[in-house]
PDB file of N, CA and C in Angstrom:
ATOM      1  N   ASN A   1      75.180  94.606  55.059  1.00  0.00           N
ATOM      2  CA  ASN A   1      75.545  94.991  56.413  1.00  0.00           C
ATOM      3  C   ASN A   1      76.163  96.382  56.459  1.00  0.00           C
ATOM      4  N   ILE A   2      77.082  96.685  55.560  1.00  0.00           N
ATOM      5  CA  ILE A   2      77.746  97.987  55.580  1.00  0.00           C
ATOM      6  C   ILE A   2      77.273  98.797  54.392  1.00  0.00           C
ATOM      7  N   GLN A   3      76.945 100.036  54.644  1.00  0.00           N
ATOM      8  CA  GLN A   3      76.519 100.926  53.579  1.00  0.00           C
ATOM      9  C   GLN A   3      77.479 102.103  53.538  1.00  0.00           C
ATOM     10  N   THR A   4      77.781 102.587  52.355  1.00  0.00           N
ATOM     11  CA  THR A   4      78.590 103.807  52.254  1.00  0.00           C
ATOM     12  C   THR A   4      77.685 104.918  51.755  1.00  0.00           C
ATOM     13  N   ASN A   5      77.767 106.058  52.403  1.00  0.00           N
ATOM     14  CA  ASN A   5      77.007 107.228  51.969  1.00  0.00           C
ATOM     15  C   ASN A   5      77.616 108.477  52.560  1.00  0.00           C
ATOM     16  N   ILE A   6      77.092 109.604  52.192  1.00  0.00           N
ATOM     17  CA  ILE A   6      77.640 110.882  52.640  1.00  0.00           C
ATOM     18  C   ILE A   6      76.754 111.494  53.729  1.00  0.00           C
ATOM     19  N   GLN A   7      75.606 110.937  53.996  1.00  0.00           N
ATOM     20  CA  GLN A   7      74.688 111.527  54.955  1.00  0.00           C
ATOM     21  C   GLN A   7      75.158 111.307  56.388  1.00  0.00           C
ATOM     22  N   VAL A   8      74.735 112.208  57.275  1.00  0.00           N
ATOM     23  CA  VAL A   8      75.127 112.152  58.672  1.00  0.00           C
ATOM     24  C   VAL A   8      73.930 111.744  59.537  1.00  0.00           C
ATOM     25  N   THR A   9      72.970 111.072  58.966  1.00  0.00           N
ATOM     26  CA  THR A   9      71.750 110.760  59.696  1.00  0.00           C
ATOM     27  C   THR A   9      71.764 109.385  60.355  1.00  0.00           C
ATOM     28  N   ILE A  10      72.759 108.549  60.060  1.00  0.00           N
ATOM     29  CA  ILE A  10      72.813 107.220  60.647  1.00  0.00           C
ATOM     30  C   ILE A  10      73.435 107.309  62.041  1.00  0.00           C
ATOM     31  N   VAL A  11      73.111 106.370  62.932  1.00  0.00           N
ATOM     32  CA  VAL A  11      73.520 106.420  64.330  1.00  0.00           C
ATOM     33  C   VAL A  11      75.030 106.260  64.517  1.00  0.00           C
ATOM     34  N   ASN A  12      75.635 105.182  64.042  1.00  0.00           N
ATOM     35  CA  ASN A  12      77.058 104.911  64.247  1.00  0.00           C
ATOM     36  C   ASN A  12      77.828 105.202  62.971  1.00  0.00           C
ATOM     37  N   GLN A  13      78.845 106.065  63.056  1.00  0.00           N
ATOM     38  CA  GLN A  13      79.580 106.443  61.861  1.00  0.00           C
ATOM     39  C   GLN A  13      81.073 106.477  62.132  1.00  0.00           C
ATOM     40  N   LEU A  14      81.859 106.037  61.166  1.00  0.00           N
ATOM     41  CA  LEU A  14      83.311 106.109  61.217  1.00  0.00           C
ATOM     42  C   LEU A  14      83.776 106.791  59.940  1.00  0.00           C
ATOM     43  N   THR A  15      84.770 107.628  60.019  1.00  0.00           N
ATOM     44  CA  THR A  15      85.261 108.320  58.837  1.00  0.00           C
ATOM     45  C   THR A  15      86.672 107.866  58.537  1.00  0.00           C
ATOM     46  N   PHE A  16      86.930 107.426  57.314  1.00  0.00           N
ATOM     47  CA  PHE A  16      88.243 107.010  56.856  1.00  0.00           C
ATOM     48  C   PHE A  16      88.518 107.673  55.513  1.00  0.00           C
ATOM     49  N   CYS A  17      89.602 108.443  55.423  1.00  0.00           N
ATOM     50  CA  CYS A  17      90.050 109.011  54.144  1.00  0.00           C
ATOM     51  C   CYS A  17      88.899 109.652  53.382  1.00  0.00           C
ATOM     52  N   ASN A  18      88.138 110.478  54.023  1.00  0.00           N
ATOM     53  CA  ASN A  18      87.009 111.190  53.431  1.00  0.00           C
ATOM     54  C   ASN A  18      85.888 110.271  52.943  1.00  0.00           C
ATOM     55  N   LEU A  19      85.919 109.016  53.308  1.00  0.00           N
ATOM     56  CA  LEU A  19      84.839 108.085  52.976  1.00  0.00           C
ATOM     57  C   LEU A  19      84.140 107.738  54.278  1.00  0.00           C
ATOM     58  N   GLN A  20      82.874 107.960  54.328  1.00  0.00           N
ATOM     59  CA  GLN A  20      82.126 107.681  55.542  1.00  0.00           C
ATOM     60  C   GLN A  20      81.582 106.271  55.482  1.00  0.00           C
ATOM     61  N   ILE A  21      81.858 105.488  56.498  1.00  0.00           N
ATOM     62  CA  ILE A  21      81.367 104.113  56.582  1.00  0.00           C
ATOM     63  C   ILE A  21      80.358 104.064  57.713  1.00  0.00           C
ATOM     64  N   THR A  22      79.189 103.582  57.411  1.00  0.00           N
ATOM     65  CA  THR A  22      78.117 103.542  58.395  1.00  0.00           C
ATOM     66  C   THR A  22      77.850 102.097  58.791  1.00  0.00           C
ATOM     67  N   MET A  23      77.761 101.874  60.090  1.00  0.00           N
ATOM     68  CA  MET A  23      77.499 100.526  60.598  1.00  0.00           C
ATOM     69  C   MET A  23      76.102 100.483  61.189  1.00  0.00           C
ATOM     70  N   ARG A  24      75.484  99.343  61.091  1.00  0.00           N
ATOM     71  CA  ARG A  24      74.219  99.140  61.773  1.00  0.00           C
ATOM     72  C   ARG A  24      74.508  98.974  63.254  1.00  0.00           C
ATOM     73  N   GLU A  25      73.536  99.224  64.094  1.00  0.00           N
ATOM     74  CA  GLU A  25      73.750  99.202  65.543  1.00  0.00           C
ATOM     75  C   GLU A  25      74.261  97.863  66.059  1.00  0.00           C
ATOM     76  N   ASN A  26      73.854  96.748  65.494  1.00  0.00           N
ATOM     77  CA  ASN A  26      74.253  95.441  66.001  1.00  0.00           C
ATOM     78  C   ASN A  26      75.542  94.928  65.355  1.00  0.00           C
ATOM     79  N   ASP A  27      76.160  95.686  64.487  1.00  0.00           N
ATOM     80  CA  ASP A  27      77.399  95.288  63.820  1.00  0.00           C
ATOM     81  C   ASP A  27      78.582  95.585  64.740  1.00  0.00           C
ATOM     82  N   GLN A  28      79.319  94.547  65.157  1.00  0.00           N
ATOM     83  CA  GLN A  28      80.448  94.692  66.071  1.00  0.00           C
ATOM     84  C   GLN A  28      81.793  94.628  65.353  1.00  0.00           C
ATOM     85  N   THR A  29      81.790  94.723  64.040  1.00  0.00           N
ATOM     86  CA  THR A  29      83.017  94.648  63.268  1.00  0.00           C
ATOM     87  C   THR A  29      83.929  95.826  63.625  1.00  0.00           C
ATOM     88  N   CYS A  30      85.195  95.538  63.788  1.00  0.00           N
ATOM     89  CA  CYS A  30      86.175  96.556  64.154  1.00  0.00           C
ATOM     90  C   CYS A  30      86.831  97.088  62.883  1.00  0.00           C
ATOM     91  N   TYR A  31      86.570  98.330  62.524  1.00  0.00           N
ATOM     92  CA  TYR A  31      87.111  98.918  61.301  1.00  0.00           C
ATOM     93  C   TYR A  31      88.369  99.732  61.537  1.00  0.00           C
ATOM     94  N   LYS A  32      88.696  99.957  62.761  1.00  0.00           N
ATOM     95  CA  LYS A  32      89.958 100.610  63.085  1.00  0.00           C
ATOM     96  C   LYS A  32      90.529  99.879  64.288  1.00  0.00           C
ATOM     97  N   PRO A  33      91.821  99.960  64.492  1.00  0.00           N
ATOM     98  CA  PRO A  33      92.411  99.204  65.611  1.00  0.00           C
ATOM     99  C   PRO A  33      91.813  99.629  66.957  1.00  0.00           C
ATOM    100  N   CYS A  34      91.326  98.650  67.689  1.00  0.00           N
ATOM    101  CA  CYS A  34      90.790  98.901  69.018  1.00  0.00           C
ATOM    102  C   CYS A  34      91.965  99.022  69.996  1.00  0.00           C
ATOM    103  N   PRO A  35      91.733  99.416  71.239  1.00  0.00           N
ATOM    104  CA  PRO A  35      92.835  99.576  72.193  1.00  0.00           C
ATOM    105  C   PRO A  35      93.683  98.324  72.376  1.00  0.00           C
ATOM    106  N   VAL A  36      93.067  97.147  72.362  1.00  0.00           N
ATOM    107  CA  VAL A  36      93.846  95.917  72.518  1.00  0.00           C
ATOM    108  C   VAL A  36      94.779  95.742  71.317  1.00  0.00           C
ATOM    109  N   GLU A  37      94.246  95.949  70.127  1.00  0.00           N
ATOM    110  CA  GLU A  37      95.047  95.821  68.911  1.00  0.00           C
ATOM    111  C   GLU A  37      96.199  96.827  68.906  1.00  0.00           C
ATOM    112  N   ARG A  38      95.912  98.059  69.282  1.00  0.00           N
ATOM    113  CA  ARG A  38      96.973  99.086  69.310  1.00  0.00           C
ATOM    114  C   ARG A  38      98.052  98.718  70.322  1.00  0.00           C
ATOM    115  N   GLY A  39      97.648  98.232  71.484  1.00  0.00           N
ATOM    116  CA  GLY A  39      98.611  97.819  72.498  1.00  0.00           C
ATOM    117  C   GLY A  39      99.445  96.636  72.048  1.00  0.00           C
ATOM    118  N   MET A  40      98.803  95.661  71.402  1.00  0.00           N
ATOM    119  CA  MET A  40      99.532  94.493  70.920  1.00  0.00           C
ATOM    120  C   MET A  40     100.524  94.866  69.828  1.00  0.00           C
ATOM    121  N   ARG A  41     100.205  95.872  69.041  1.00  0.00           N
ATOM    122  CA  ARG A  41     101.144  96.317  68.011  1.00  0.00           C
ATOM    123  C   ARG A  41     102.420  96.872  68.634  1.00  0.00           C
ATOM    124  N   ILE A  42     102.314  97.376  69.852  1.00  0.00           N
ATOM    125  CA  ILE A  42     103.488  97.958  70.514  1.00  0.00           C
ATOM    126  C   ILE A  42     104.240  96.921  71.335  1.00  0.00           C
ATOM    127  N   ILE A  43     103.552  96.189  72.198  1.00  0.00           N
ATOM    128  CA  ILE A  43     104.286  95.251  73.061  1.00  0.00           C
ATOM    129  C   ILE A  43     104.201  93.803  72.593  1.00  0.00           C
ATOM    130  N   GLY A  44     103.409  93.535  71.545  1.00  0.00           N
ATOM    131  CA  GLY A  44     103.251  92.172  71.076  1.00  0.00           C
ATOM    132  C   GLY A  44     104.264  91.732  70.035  1.00  0.00           C
ATOM    133  N   ASN A  45     105.146  92.629  69.617  1.00  0.00           N
ATOM    134  CA  ASN A  45     106.179  92.239  68.659  1.00  0.00           C
ATOM    135  C   ASN A  45     107.123  91.228  69.279  1.00  0.00           C
ATOM    136  N   LYS A  46     107.659  90.364  68.445  1.00  0.00           N
ATOM    137  CA  LYS A  46     108.599  89.361  68.938  1.00  0.00           C
ATOM    138  C   LYS A  46     109.779  90.059  69.602  1.00  0.00           C
ATOM    139  N   TRP A  47     110.149  89.612  70.761  1.00  0.00           N
ATOM    140  CA  TRP A  47     111.265  90.066  71.590  1.00  0.00           C
ATOM    141  C   TRP A  47     110.949  91.302  72.426  1.00  0.00           C
ATOM    142  N   THR A  48     109.933  92.067  72.102  1.00  0.00           N
ATOM    143  CA  THR A  48     109.669  93.292  72.856  1.00  0.00           C
ATOM    144  C   THR A  48     109.384  92.998  74.324  1.00  0.00           C
ATOM    145  N   GLY A  49     108.491  92.065  74.584  1.00  0.00           N
ATOM    146  CA  GLY A  49     108.179  91.707  75.969  1.00  0.00           C
ATOM    147  C   GLY A  49     109.386  91.160  76.703  1.00  0.00           C
ATOM    148  N   SER A  50     110.169  90.340  76.029  1.00  0.00           N
ATOM    149  CA  SER A  50     111.373  89.773  76.652  1.00  0.00           C
ATOM    150  C   SER A  50     112.391  90.857  76.975  1.00  0.00           C
ATOM    151  N   ILE A  51     112.543  91.805  76.078  1.00  0.00           N
ATOM    152  CA  ILE A  51     113.486  92.906  76.322  1.00  0.00           C
ATOM    153  C   ILE A  51     113.035  93.701  77.546  1.00  0.00           C
ATOM    154  N   LEU A  52     111.749  94.034  77.587  1.00  0.00           N
ATOM    155  CA  LEU A  52     111.234  94.763  78.753  1.00  0.00           C
ATOM    156  C   LEU A  52     111.468  93.978  80.033  1.00  0.00           C
ATOM    157  N   TRP A  53     111.207  92.681  79.978  1.00  0.00           N
ATOM    158  CA  TRP A  53     111.358  91.840  81.161  1.00  0.00           C
ATOM    159  C   TRP A  53     112.801  91.851  81.657  1.00  0.00           C
ATOM    160  N   HIS A  54     113.756  91.791  80.737  1.00  0.00           N
ATOM    161  CA  HIS A  54     115.165  91.774  81.143  1.00  0.00           C
ATOM    162  C   HIS A  54     115.648  93.142  81.632  1.00  0.00           C
ATOM    163  N   LEU A  55     114.996  94.202  81.197  1.00  0.00           N
ATOM    164  CA  LEU A  55     115.395  95.541  81.637  1.00  0.00           C
ATOM    165  C   LEU A  55     114.704  95.969  82.929  1.00  0.00           C
ATOM    166  N   LYS A  56     113.803  95.142  83.451  1.00  0.00           N
ATOM    167  CA  LYS A  56     113.013  95.571  84.615  1.00  0.00           C
ATOM    168  C   LYS A  56     113.839  95.809  85.870  1.00  0.00           C
ATOM    169  N   ASP A  57     114.947  95.096  86.009  1.00  0.00           N
ATOM    170  CA  ASP A  57     115.738  95.212  87.224  1.00  0.00           C
ATOM    171  C   ASP A  57     116.911  96.174  87.125  1.00  0.00           C
ATOM    172  N   GLN A  58     117.442  96.334  85.918  1.00  0.00           N
ATOM    173  CA  GLN A  58     118.621  97.196  85.767  1.00  0.00           C
ATOM    174  C   GLN A  58     118.824  97.570  84.305  1.00  0.00           C
ATOM    175  N   PRO A  59     119.496  98.698  84.063  1.00  0.00           N
ATOM    176  CA  PRO A  59     119.857  99.060  82.689  1.00  0.00           C
ATOM    177  C   PRO A  59     120.849  98.036  82.142  1.00  0.00           C
ATOM    178  N   MET A  60     120.819  97.867  80.831  1.00  0.00           N
ATOM    179  CA  MET A  60     121.718  96.908  80.192  1.00  0.00           C
ATOM    180  C   MET A  60     122.261  97.495  78.892  1.00  0.00           C
ATOM    181  N   ARG A  61     123.449  97.044  78.540  1.00  0.00           N
ATOM    182  CA  ARG A  61     124.037  97.421  77.264  1.00  0.00           C
ATOM    183  C   ARG A  61     123.550  96.460  76.190  1.00  0.00           C
ATOM    184  N   PHE A  62     123.754  96.850  74.933  1.00  0.00           N
ATOM    185  CA  PHE A  62     123.252  96.077  73.802  1.00  0.00           C
ATOM    186  C   PHE A  62     123.677  94.613  73.875  1.00  0.00           C
ATOM    187  N   ASN A  63     124.962  94.363  74.042  1.00  0.00           N
ATOM    188  CA  ASN A  63     125.450  92.972  74.047  1.00  0.00           C
ATOM    189  C   ASN A  63     124.931  92.172  75.239  1.00  0.00           C
ATOM    190  N   GLU A  64     124.676  92.834  76.354  1.00  0.00           N
ATOM    191  CA  GLU A  64     124.089  92.136  77.507  1.00  0.00           C
ATOM    192  C   GLU A  64     122.676  91.661  77.165  1.00  0.00           C
ATOM    193  N   ILE A  65     121.922  92.530  76.508  1.00  0.00           N
ATOM    194  CA  ILE A  65     120.564  92.151  76.098  1.00  0.00           C
ATOM    195  C   ILE A  65     120.640  91.025  75.068  1.00  0.00           C
ATOM    196  N   ALA A  66     121.560  91.151  74.121  1.00  0.00           N
ATOM    197  CA  ALA A  66     121.714  90.127  73.081  1.00  0.00           C
ATOM    198  C   ALA A  66     122.008  88.760  73.694  1.00  0.00           C
ATOM    199  N   ARG A  67     122.816  88.722  74.738  1.00  0.00           N
ATOM    200  CA  ARG A  67     123.120  87.449  75.397  1.00  0.00           C
ATOM    201  C   ARG A  67     121.882  86.857  76.068  1.00  0.00           C
ATOM    202  N   GLN A  68     121.034  87.712  76.610  1.00  0.00           N
ATOM    203  CA  GLN A  68     119.807  87.239  77.256  1.00  0.00           C
ATOM    204  C   GLN A  68     118.820  86.666  76.232  1.00  0.00           C
ATOM    205  N   LEU A  69     118.853  87.211  75.017  1.00  0.00           N
ATOM    206  CA  LEU A  69     117.938  86.785  73.953  1.00  0.00           C
ATOM    207  C   LEU A  69     118.722  86.017  72.898  1.00  0.00           C
ATOM    208  N   ALA A  70     119.134  84.841  73.249  1.00  0.00           N
ATOM    209  CA  ALA A  70     120.035  84.071  72.384  1.00  0.00           C
ATOM    210  C   ALA A  70     119.469  83.823  70.986  1.00  0.00           C
ATOM    211  N   GLY A  71     118.162  83.780  70.818  1.00  0.00           N
ATOM    212  CA  GLY A  71     117.579  83.492  69.509  1.00  0.00           C
ATOM    213  C   GLY A  71     117.379  84.694  68.617  1.00  0.00           C
ATOM    214  N   ALA A  72     117.604  85.893  69.134  1.00  0.00           N
ATOM    215  CA  ALA A  72     117.371  87.107  68.342  1.00  0.00           C
ATOM    216  C   ALA A  72     118.656  87.528  67.641  1.00  0.00           C
ATOM    217  N   SER A  73     118.550  87.851  66.352  1.00  0.00           N
ATOM    218  CA  SER A  73     119.717  88.360  65.641  1.00  0.00           C
ATOM    219  C   SER A  73     119.993  89.785  66.115  1.00  0.00           C
ATOM    220  N   LYS A  74     121.202  90.227  65.949  1.00  0.00           N
ATOM    221  CA  LYS A  74     121.561  91.588  66.375  1.00  0.00           C
ATOM    222  C   LYS A  74     120.815  92.628  65.553  1.00  0.00           C
ATOM    223  N   LYS A  75     120.540  92.320  64.293  1.00  0.00           N
ATOM    224  CA  LYS A  75     119.781  93.241  63.443  1.00  0.00           C
ATOM    225  C   LYS A  75     118.362  93.421  63.993  1.00  0.00           C
ATOM    226  N   VAL A  76     117.713  92.310  64.307  1.00  0.00           N
ATOM    227  CA  VAL A  76     116.346  92.368  64.848  1.00  0.00           C
ATOM    228  C   VAL A  76     116.349  93.047  66.206  1.00  0.00           C
ATOM    229  N   LEU A  77     117.332  92.733  67.027  1.00  0.00           N
ATOM    230  CA  LEU A  77     117.419  93.360  68.341  1.00  0.00           C
ATOM    231  C   LEU A  77     117.562  94.875  68.203  1.00  0.00           C
ATOM    232  N   ALA A  78     118.418  95.320  67.300  1.00  0.00           N
ATOM    233  CA  ALA A  78     118.603  96.761  67.075  1.00  0.00           C
ATOM    234  C   ALA A  78     117.296  97.409  66.610  1.00  0.00           C
ATOM    235  N   GLU A  79     116.568  96.733  65.734  1.00  0.00           N
ATOM    236  CA  GLU A  79     115.277  97.258  65.262  1.00  0.00           C
ATOM    237  C   GLU A  79     114.278  97.361  66.404  1.00  0.00           C
ATOM    238  N   ARG A  80     114.202  96.325  67.229  1.00  0.00           N
ATOM    239  CA  ARG A  80     113.258  96.325  68.356  1.00  0.00           C
ATOM    240  C   ARG A  80     113.595  97.438  69.346  1.00  0.00           C
ATOM    241  N   LEU A  81     114.883  97.565  69.668  1.00  0.00           N
ATOM    242  CA  LEU A  81     115.284  98.602  70.624  1.00  0.00           C
ATOM    243  C   LEU A  81     114.940  99.987  70.098  1.00  0.00           C
ATOM    244  N   LYS A  82     115.161 100.218  68.810  1.00  0.00           N
ATOM    245  CA  LYS A  82     114.832 101.522  68.209  1.00  0.00           C
ATOM    246  C   LYS A  82     113.329 101.778  68.280  1.00  0.00           C
ATOM    247  N   ALA A  83     112.527 100.767  67.916  1.00  0.00           N
ATOM    248  CA  ALA A  83     111.071 100.920  67.973  1.00  0.00           C
ATOM    249  C   ALA A  83     110.596 101.139  69.401  1.00  0.00           C
ATOM    250  N   MET A  84     111.191 100.419  70.340  1.00  0.00           N
ATOM    251  CA  MET A  84     110.796 100.572  71.742  1.00  0.00           C
ATOM    252  C   MET A  84     111.149 101.955  72.263  1.00  0.00           C
ATOM    253  N   GLU A  85     112.268 102.493  71.809  1.00  0.00           N
ATOM    254  CA  GLU A  85     112.648 103.853  72.191  1.00  0.00           C
ATOM    255  C   GLU A  85     111.660 104.857  71.589  1.00  0.00           C
ATOM    256  N   GLU A  86     111.286 104.657  70.336  1.00  0.00           N
ATOM    257  CA  GLU A  86     110.317 105.549  69.684  1.00  0.00           C
ATOM    258  C   GLU A  86     108.962 105.497  70.377  1.00  0.00           C
ATOM    259  N   ASN A  87     108.588 104.333  70.894  1.00  0.00           N
ATOM    260  CA  ASN A  87     107.318 104.177  71.601  1.00  0.00           C
ATOM    261  C   ASN A  87     107.410 104.520  73.082  1.00  0.00           C
ATOM    262  N   LYS A  88     108.569 105.005  73.483  1.00  0.00           N
ATOM    263  CA  LYS A  88     108.803 105.465  74.857  1.00  0.00           C
ATOM    264  C   LYS A  88     108.671 104.354  75.898  1.00  0.00           C
ATOM    265  N   LEU A  89     109.002 103.120  75.483  1.00  0.00           N
ATOM    266  CA  LEU A  89     109.035 102.010  76.431  1.00  0.00           C
ATOM    267  C   LEU A  89     110.379 101.944  77.139  1.00  0.00           C
ATOM    268  N   ILE A  90     111.436 102.381  76.448  1.00  0.00           N
ATOM    269  CA  ILE A  90     112.790 102.372  76.997  1.00  0.00           C
ATOM    270  C   ILE A  90     113.478 103.685  76.645  1.00  0.00           C
ATOM    271  N   THR A  91     114.586 103.942  77.330  1.00  0.00           N
ATOM    272  CA  THR A  91     115.432 105.080  76.980  1.00  0.00           C
ATOM    273  C   THR A  91     116.816 104.551  76.620  1.00  0.00           C
ATOM    274  N   ARG A  92     117.485 105.287  75.776  1.00  0.00           N
ATOM    275  CA  ARG A  92     118.835 104.936  75.330  1.00  0.00           C
ATOM    276  C   ARG A  92     119.758 106.029  75.839  1.00  0.00           C
ATOM    277  N   ASP A  93     120.699 105.672  76.701  1.00  0.00           N
ATOM    278  CA  ASP A  93     121.604 106.642  77.302  1.00  0.00           C
ATOM    279  C   ASP A  93     123.029 106.370  76.849  1.00  0.00           C
ATOM    280  N   VAL A  94     123.697 107.411  76.336  1.00  0.00           N
ATOM    281  CA  VAL A  94     125.107 107.296  75.960  1.00  0.00           C
ATOM    282  C   VAL A  94     125.924 107.397  77.238  1.00  0.00           C
ATOM    283  N   ILE A  95     126.725 106.367  77.524  1.00  0.00           N
ATOM    284  CA  ILE A  95     127.512 106.372  78.760  1.00  0.00           C
ATOM    285  C   ILE A  95     128.986 106.625  78.504  1.00  0.00           C
ATOM    286  N   SER A  96     129.399 106.548  77.229  1.00  0.00           N
ATOM    287  CA  SER A  96     130.786 106.803  76.867  1.00  0.00           C
ATOM    288  C   SER A  96     130.835 107.170  75.390  1.00  0.00           C
ATOM    289  N   SER A  97     131.701 108.127  75.056  1.00  0.00           N
ATOM    290  CA  SER A  97     131.792 108.526  73.653  1.00  0.00           C
ATOM    291  C   SER A  97     132.973 107.897  72.926  1.00  0.00           C
ATOM    292  N   LYS A  98     134.009 107.500  73.642  1.00  0.00           N
ATOM    293  CA  LYS A  98     135.180 106.864  73.026  1.00  0.00           C
ATOM    294  C   LYS A  98     135.591 105.656  73.829  1.00  0.00           C
ATOM    295  N   PRO A  99     135.329 104.474  73.391  1.00  0.00           N
ATOM    296  CA  PRO A  99     134.427 104.128  72.289  1.00  0.00           C
ATOM    297  C   PRO A  99     132.975 104.380  72.688  1.00  0.00           C
ATOM    298  N   VAL A 100     132.133 104.508  71.678  1.00  0.00           N
ATOM    299  CA  VAL A 100     130.718 104.784  71.938  1.00  0.00           C
ATOM    300  C   VAL A 100     130.107 103.597  72.685  1.00  0.00           C
ATOM    301  N   ALA A 101     129.483 103.906  73.790  1.00  0.00           N
ATOM    302  CA  ALA A 101     128.804 102.876  74.583  1.00  0.00           C
ATOM    303  C   ALA A 101     127.460 103.438  75.033  1.00  0.00           C
ATOM    304  N   VAL A 102     126.427 102.646  74.869  1.00  0.00           N
ATOM    305  CA  VAL A 102     125.089 103.062  75.301  1.00  0.00           C
ATOM    306  C   VAL A 102     124.500 101.987  76.187  1.00  0.00           C
ATOM    307  N   GLN A 103     123.568 102.402  77.010  1.00  0.00           N
ATOM    308  CA  GLN A 103     122.813 101.444  77.802  1.00  0.00           C
ATOM    309  C   GLN A 103     121.333 101.754  77.638  1.00  0.00           C
ATOM    310  N   TYR A 104     120.544 100.730  77.786  1.00  0.00           N
ATOM    311  CA  TYR A 104     119.102 100.848  77.650  1.00  0.00           C
ATOM    312  C   TYR A 104     118.474 100.664  79.011  1.00  0.00           C
ATOM    313  N   LYS A 105     117.481 101.509  79.286  1.00  0.00           N
ATOM    314  CA  LYS A 105     116.819 101.495  80.585  1.00  0.00           C
ATOM    315  C   LYS A 105     115.315 101.537  80.343  1.00  0.00           C
ATOM    316  N   ILE A 106     114.582 100.824  81.166  1.00  0.00           N
ATOM    317  CA  ILE A 106     113.126 100.820  81.026  1.00  0.00           C
ATOM    318  C   ILE A 106     112.577 102.189  81.425  1.00  0.00           C
ATOM    319  N   ALA A 107     111.631 102.707  80.639  1.00  0.00           N
ATOM    320  CA  ALA A 107     111.009 104.002  80.901  1.00  0.00           C
ATOM    321  C   ALA A 107     109.679 103.779  81.631  1.00  0.00           C
ATOM    322  N   ALA A 108     109.037 104.855  82.040  1.00  0.00           N
ATOM    323  CA  ALA A 108     107.785 104.764  82.800  1.00  0.00           C
ATOM    324  C   ALA A 108     106.725 103.970  82.043  1.00  0.00           C
ATOM    325  N   ARG A 109     106.595 104.208  80.752  1.00  0.00           N
ATOM    326  CA  ARG A 109     105.602 103.480  79.955  1.00  0.00           C
ATOM    327  C   ARG A 109     105.941 101.984  79.923  1.00  0.00           C
ATOM    328  N   GLY A 110     107.214 101.660  79.851  1.00  0.00           N
ATOM    329  CA  GLY A 110     107.648 100.264  79.883  1.00  0.00           C
ATOM    330  C   GLY A 110     107.349  99.626  81.226  1.00  0.00           C
ATOM    331  N   LEU A 111     107.556 100.389  82.307  1.00  0.00           N
ATOM    332  CA  LEU A 111     107.230  99.871  83.645  1.00  0.00           C
ATOM    333  C   LEU A 111     105.747  99.545  83.754  1.00  0.00           C
ATOM    334  N   ASN A 112     104.905 100.395  83.169  1.00  0.00           N
ATOM    335  CA  ASN A 112     103.462 100.126  83.174  1.00  0.00           C
ATOM    336  C   ASN A 112     103.138  98.834  82.436  1.00  0.00           C
ATOM    337  N   ALA A 113     103.866  98.559  81.359  1.00  0.00           N
ATOM    338  CA  ALA A 113     103.623  97.349  80.575  1.00  0.00           C
ATOM    339  C   ALA A 113     104.036  96.088  81.328  1.00  0.00           C
ATOM    340  N   LEU A 114     104.907  96.224  82.317  1.00  0.00           N
ATOM    341  CA  LEU A 114     105.348  95.046  83.076  1.00  0.00           C
ATOM    342  C   LEU A 114     104.196  94.346  83.785  1.00  0.00           C
ATOM    343  N   THR A 115     103.164  95.088  84.180  1.00  0.00           N
ATOM    344  CA  THR A 115     102.019  94.456  84.836  1.00  0.00           C
ATOM    345  C   THR A 115     101.327  93.489  83.872  1.00  0.00           C
ATOM    346  N   ILE A 116     101.272  93.868  82.594  1.00  0.00           N
ATOM    347  CA  ILE A 116     100.678  92.995  81.577  1.00  0.00           C
ATOM    348  C   ILE A 116     101.535  91.746  81.418  1.00  0.00           C
ATOM    349  N   LEU A 117     102.842  91.935  81.369  1.00  0.00           N
ATOM    350  CA  LEU A 117     103.751  90.795  81.209  1.00  0.00           C
ATOM    351  C   LEU A 117     103.703  89.871  82.423  1.00  0.00           C
ATOM    352  N   GLU A 118     103.553  90.441  83.596  1.00  0.00           N
ATOM    353  CA  GLU A 118     103.427  89.626  84.812  1.00  0.00           C
ATOM    354  C   GLU A 118     102.160  88.780  84.746  1.00  0.00           C
ATOM    355  N   GLU A 119     101.060  89.373  84.310  1.00  0.00           N
ATOM    356  CA  GLU A 119      99.809  88.622  84.162  1.00  0.00           C
ATOM    357  C   GLU A 119      99.945  87.537  83.097  1.00  0.00           C
ATOM    358  N   LEU A 120     100.640  87.833  82.018  1.00  0.00           N
ATOM    359  CA  LEU A 120     100.877  86.838  80.973  1.00  0.00           C
ATOM    360  C   LEU A 120     101.699  85.675  81.524  1.00  0.00           C
ATOM    361  N   LYS A 121     102.712  86.000  82.303  1.00  0.00           N
ATOM    362  CA  LYS A 121     103.532  84.955  82.934  1.00  0.00           C
ATOM    363  C   LYS A 121     102.674  84.075  83.831  1.00  0.00           C
ATOM    364  N   ASN A 122     101.823  84.699  84.667  1.00  0.00           N
ATOM    365  CA  ASN A 122     100.956  83.942  85.565  1.00  0.00           C
ATOM    366  C   ASN A 122      99.989  83.066  84.795  1.00  0.00           C
ATOM    367  N   TRP A 123      99.393  83.602  83.737  1.00  0.00           N
ATOM    368  CA  TRP A 123      98.458  82.841  82.911  1.00  0.00           C
ATOM    369  C   TRP A 123      99.162  81.644  82.292  1.00  0.00           C
ATOM    370  N   THR A 124     100.370  81.846  81.794  1.00  0.00           N
ATOM    371  CA  THR A 124     101.146  80.766  81.181  1.00  0.00           C
ATOM    372  C   THR A 124     101.417  79.662  82.199  1.00  0.00           C
ATOM    373  N   LEU A 125     101.830  80.036  83.396  1.00  0.00           N
ATOM    374  CA  LEU A 125     102.127  79.044  84.446  1.00  0.00           C
ATOM    375  C   LEU A 125     100.858  78.324  84.904  1.00  0.00           C
ATOM    376  N   GLU A 126      99.768  79.067  85.107  1.00  0.00           N
ATOM    377  CA  GLU A 126      98.516  78.473  85.573  1.00  0.00           C
ATOM    378  C   GLU A 126      97.940  77.479  84.572  1.00  0.00           C
ATOM    379  N   ASN A 127      98.209  77.697  83.306  1.00  0.00           N
ATOM    380  CA  ASN A 127      97.665  76.831  82.264  1.00  0.00           C
ATOM    381  C   ASN A 127      98.676  75.821  81.715  1.00  0.00           C
ATOM    382  N   ASP A 128      99.785  75.681  82.425  1.00  0.00           N
ATOM    383  CA  ASP A 128     100.822  74.725  82.029  1.00  0.00           C
ATOM    384  C   ASP A 128     101.208  74.856  80.563  1.00  0.00           C
ATOM    385  N   LEU A 129     101.398  76.071  80.133  1.00  0.00           N
ATOM    386  CA  LEU A 129     101.779  76.314  78.727  1.00  0.00           C
ATOM    387  C   LEU A 129     103.265  76.509  78.604  1.00  0.00           C
TER     388      LEU A 129
END
């Protein structure tokens, strides 16, 4: 099914690490993350959707979010918040320096993701899950 070669004469071609992988026209195998996979890697992590959902109405401080997510450890929550900030789903704003206090607010990209979460909520309810 898959052939490796250096020629550029085949119809469908993908390049990885200087190795050219050629697929036949009817081969639907995904050799790199498709848009759904890439999106799930960002919002499909455990707690990410819940964090976004809780931030949709108002900014929250770390401990407020932690209380909303009773099953998440503070270490995991801190990791998720950092990753979400790096992915521009949320922003982290310093509101006080002594003592240090920050709040997290949903960003534009996070607001866009809320439509997906709303559809997921509806699907869950419609299917009695």
